[in-house]
C-alpha atoms as a PDB file:
ATOM      1  CA  MET A   1      -6.781 -10.747 166.027  1.00  0.00           C
ATOM      2  CA  HIS A   2      -9.322 -13.056 164.728  1.00  0.00           C
ATOM      3  CA  ASN A   3      -9.861 -16.547 165.800  1.00  0.00           C
ATOM      4  CA  GLY A   4      -6.078 -16.778 167.066  1.00  0.00           C
ATOM      5  CA  SER A   5      -4.892 -15.336 163.844  1.00  0.00           C
ATOM      6  CA  GLU A   6      -3.294 -11.767 163.384  1.00  0.00           C
ATOM      7  CA  ILE A   7      -5.076  -9.698 160.721  1.00  0.00           C
ATOM      8  CA  ILE A   8      -4.239  -6.449 158.840  1.00  0.00           C
ATOM      9  CA  ALA A   9      -6.811  -4.185 157.608  1.00  0.00           C
ATOM     10  CA  THR A  10      -6.259  -1.651 154.952  1.00  0.00           C
ATOM     11  CA  PHE A  11      -8.919   1.300 154.141  1.00  0.00           C
ATOM     12  CA  ASN A  12      -9.011   3.249 150.952  1.00  0.00           C
ATOM     13  CA  ARG A  13     -11.973   5.806 150.278  1.00  0.00           C
ATOM     14  CA  GLY A  14     -14.488   3.597 152.191  1.00  0.00           C
ATOM     15  CA  GLU A  15     -13.146   0.321 150.765  1.00  0.00           C
ATOM     16  CA  MET A  16     -11.807  -2.202 153.532  1.00  0.00           C
ATOM     17  CA  ARG A  17      -9.840  -5.244 152.941  1.00  0.00           C
ATOM     18  CA  MET A  18      -8.484  -7.717 155.589  1.00  0.00           C
ATOM     19  CA  TYR A  19      -5.634 -10.160 155.012  1.00  0.00           C
ATOM     20  CA  TYR A  20      -4.047 -12.654 156.982  1.00  0.00           C
ATOM     21  CA  GLU A  21      -0.762 -11.404 158.621  1.00  0.00           C
ATOM     22  CA  LYS A  22       0.139 -14.300 160.785  1.00  0.00           C
ATOM     23  CA  PRO A  23      -2.261 -17.004 160.285  1.00  0.00           C
ATOM     24  CA  LYS A  24      -2.448 -19.629 163.208  1.00  0.00           C
ATOM     25  CA  PRO A  25      -0.891 -22.961 162.583  1.00  0.00           C
ATOM     26  CA  SER A  26      -3.771 -25.013 161.792  1.00  0.00           C
ATOM     27  CA  LEU A  27      -4.813 -22.220 158.951  1.00  0.00           C
ATOM     28  CA  ARG A  28      -1.041 -22.624 157.664  1.00  0.00           C
ATOM     29  CA  GLN A  29      -1.586 -26.392 157.389  1.00  0.00           C
ATOM     30  CA  ALA A  30      -4.811 -25.598 155.408  1.00  0.00           C
ATOM     31  CA  GLY A  31      -2.618 -23.504 152.874  1.00  0.00           C
ATOM     32  CA  ILE A  32      -3.540 -20.040 154.319  1.00  0.00           C
ATOM     33  CA  ASP A  33      -0.344 -17.798 154.009  1.00  0.00           C
ATOM     34  CA  GLN A  34       0.637 -14.399 154.978  1.00  0.00           C
ATOM     35  CA  GLY A  35      -1.543 -12.031 152.635  1.00  0.00           C
ATOM     36  CA  THR A  36      -4.358 -14.090 152.009  1.00  0.00           C
ATOM     37  CA  LEU A  37      -7.528 -12.220 151.599  1.00  0.00           C
ATOM     38  CA  LEU A  38     -10.094 -12.762 154.348  1.00  0.00           C
ATOM     39  CA  PHE A  39     -12.578 -10.019 153.693  1.00  0.00           C
ATOM     40  CA  GLN A  40     -13.227  -7.068 151.245  1.00  0.00           C
ATOM     41  CA  GLY A  41     -16.042  -4.526 151.275  1.00  0.00           C
ATOM     42  CA  THR A  42     -16.750  -1.341 152.663  1.00  0.00           C
ATOM     43  CA  ALA A  43     -16.749   0.707 155.996  1.00  0.00           C
ATOM     44  CA  ASN A  44     -18.644   3.708 156.420  1.00  0.00           C
ATOM     45  CA  ASP A  45     -19.588   5.639 159.823  1.00  0.00           C
ATOM     46  CA  GLY A  46     -18.659   2.162 161.664  1.00  0.00           C
ATOM     47  CA  HIS A  47     -20.923   0.183 159.376  1.00  0.00           C
ATOM     48  CA  ILE A  48     -18.926  -2.699 157.633  1.00  0.00           C
ATOM     49  CA  LYS A  49     -20.412  -4.686 154.630  1.00  0.00           C
ATOM     50  CA  GLY A  50     -18.971  -7.230 152.121  1.00  0.00           C
ATOM     51  CA  THR A  51     -17.742 -10.469 151.418  1.00  0.00           C
ATOM     52  CA  ALA A  52     -15.683 -12.866 153.670  1.00  0.00           C
ATOM     53  CA  PHE A  53     -13.929 -16.074 152.521  1.00  0.00           C
ATOM     54  CA  VAL A  54     -13.847 -19.607 154.167  1.00  0.00           C
ATOM     55  CA  PHE A  55     -10.968 -21.596 153.220  1.00  0.00           C
ATOM     56  CA  ARG A  56     -10.919 -25.354 153.331  1.00  0.00           C
ATOM     57  CA  LYS A  57      -7.529 -27.481 152.416  1.00  0.00           C
ATOM     58  CA  GLY A  58      -7.337 -28.084 148.540  1.00  0.00           C
ATOM     59  CA  CYS A  59     -10.430 -26.124 147.701  1.00  0.00           C
ATOM     60  CA  PRO A  60     -11.074 -22.498 146.443  1.00  0.00           C
ATOM     61  CA  PRO A  61     -11.973 -20.022 148.845  1.00  0.00           C
ATOM     62  CA  ALA A  62     -15.726 -19.814 149.430  1.00  0.00           C
ATOM     63  CA  PRO A  63     -17.356 -16.275 149.300  1.00  0.00           C
ATOM     64  CA  TYR A  64     -20.371 -15.283 151.533  1.00  0.00           C
ATOM     65  CA  GLU A  65     -21.768 -12.104 152.353  1.00  0.00           C
ATOM     66  CA  VAL A  66     -21.435 -10.535 155.801  1.00  0.00           C
ATOM     67  CA  GLU A  67     -22.070  -7.356 157.638  1.00  0.00           C
ATOM     68  CA  GLY A  68     -21.646  -5.579 161.102  1.00  0.00           C
ATOM     69  CA  ARG A  69     -20.808  -2.634 163.093  1.00  0.00           C
ATOM     70  CA  ALA A  70     -17.514  -1.355 164.567  1.00  0.00           C
ATOM     71  CA  GLN A  71     -17.546  -1.859 168.509  1.00  0.00           C
ATOM     72  CA  GLY A  72     -15.708   1.493 169.499  1.00  0.00           C
ATOM     73  CA  ASP A  73     -11.968   0.943 169.351  1.00  0.00           C
ATOM     74  CA  VAL A  74     -11.999  -2.497 170.625  1.00  0.00           C
ATOM     75  CA  GLY A  75     -12.993  -4.206 167.291  1.00  0.00           C
ATOM     76  CA  PHE A  76     -16.084  -5.430 165.378  1.00  0.00           C
ATOM     77  CA  GLU A  77     -18.217  -8.338 164.893  1.00  0.00           C
ATOM     78  CA  LEU A  78     -19.561  -9.458 161.123  1.00  0.00           C
ATOM     79  CA  SER A  79     -22.281 -12.067 160.669  1.00  0.00           C
ATOM     80  CA  GLY A  80     -24.149 -13.558 157.832  1.00  0.00           C
ATOM     81  CA  PRO A  81     -25.295 -17.081 156.852  1.00  0.00           C
ATOM     82  CA  GLY A  82     -22.144 -19.039 156.263  1.00  0.00           C
ATOM     83  CA  PRO A  83     -21.130 -21.734 153.792  1.00  0.00           C
ATOM     84  CA  LYS A  84     -22.209 -25.383 154.774  1.00  0.00           C
ATOM     85  CA  PHE A  85     -19.877 -27.862 152.983  1.00  0.00           C
ATOM     86  CA  GLY A  86     -20.655 -31.284 151.819  1.00  0.00           C
ATOM     87  CA  ALA A  87     -18.092 -33.743 150.306  1.00  0.00           C
ATOM     88  CA  GLY A  88     -14.894 -32.529 149.021  1.00  0.00           C
ATOM     89  CA  CYS A  89     -15.336 -28.625 148.123  1.00  0.00           C
ATOM     90  CA  ALA A  90     -18.968 -28.813 147.315  1.00  0.00           C
ATOM     91  CA  VAL A  91     -20.828 -25.948 149.167  1.00  0.00           C
ATOM     92  CA  LEU A  92     -24.502 -27.272 149.950  1.00  0.00           C
ATOM     93  CA  GLY A  93     -25.790 -23.720 150.806  1.00  0.00           C
ATOM     94  CA  LEU A  94     -25.477 -21.056 153.341  1.00  0.00           C
ATOM     95  CA  SER A  95     -27.049 -21.229 156.881  1.00  0.00           C
ATOM     96  CA  TRP A  96     -26.711 -19.149 160.265  1.00  0.00           C
ATOM     97  CA  THR A  97     -25.737 -22.398 161.894  1.00  0.00           C
ATOM     98  CA  SER A  98     -22.635 -22.448 159.927  1.00  0.00           C
ATOM     99  CA  PRO A  99     -19.379 -22.171 161.902  1.00  0.00           C
ATOM    100  CA  HIS A 100     -18.606 -19.312 159.923  1.00  0.00           C
ATOM    101  CA  SER A 101     -21.795 -17.190 160.235  1.00  0.00           C
ATOM    102  CA  ARG A 102     -20.201 -14.939 163.078  1.00  0.00           C
ATOM    103  CA  LEU A 103     -16.506 -13.261 162.697  1.00  0.00           C
ATOM    104  CA  THR A 104     -15.360 -11.569 165.756  1.00  0.00           C
ATOM    105  CA  PHE A 105     -12.147  -9.288 165.200  1.00  0.00           C
ATOM    106  CA  VAL A 106     -10.414  -7.495 168.239  1.00  0.00           C
ATOM    107  CA  SER A 107      -8.477  -4.335 167.673  1.00  0.00           C
ATOM    108  CA  ASP A 108      -4.874  -3.940 168.990  1.00  0.00           C
ATOM    109  CA  ASN A 109      -6.067  -0.233 169.036  1.00  0.00           C
ATOM    110  CA  ARG A 110      -3.386   1.332 166.641  1.00  0.00           C
ATOM    111  CA  GLY A 111      -5.849   4.103 165.861  1.00  0.00           C
ATOM    112  CA  ILE A 112      -8.511   2.815 163.397  1.00  0.00           C
ATOM    113  CA  ASP A 113     -10.969   5.479 162.605  1.00  0.00           C
ATOM    114  CA  TRP A 114     -14.191   3.853 161.373  1.00  0.00           C
END
């Protein structure tokens, strides 16, 4: 789970991707559907690093770099300066004060082995 949405994580030879499985209603209204890519990167010995995406209705996904560590089998947190938006789809820059700078994921304990 991430911020009220169900997420699916896939792993293949150290590569990790996370997709929306069941986006919460407000994200569906913004155009996020099942299968939308939320994160792509690597997972190695509990260290996770890669690119996350922020979504804004009518705009292309805004990528930014994040990293973090697995917290046992309970989930993980990724952080990095997130996009700050101006008018329309304009990304003005990246900031640690962005609401997207910290991503928390809670595991359903289906046996993920970091």
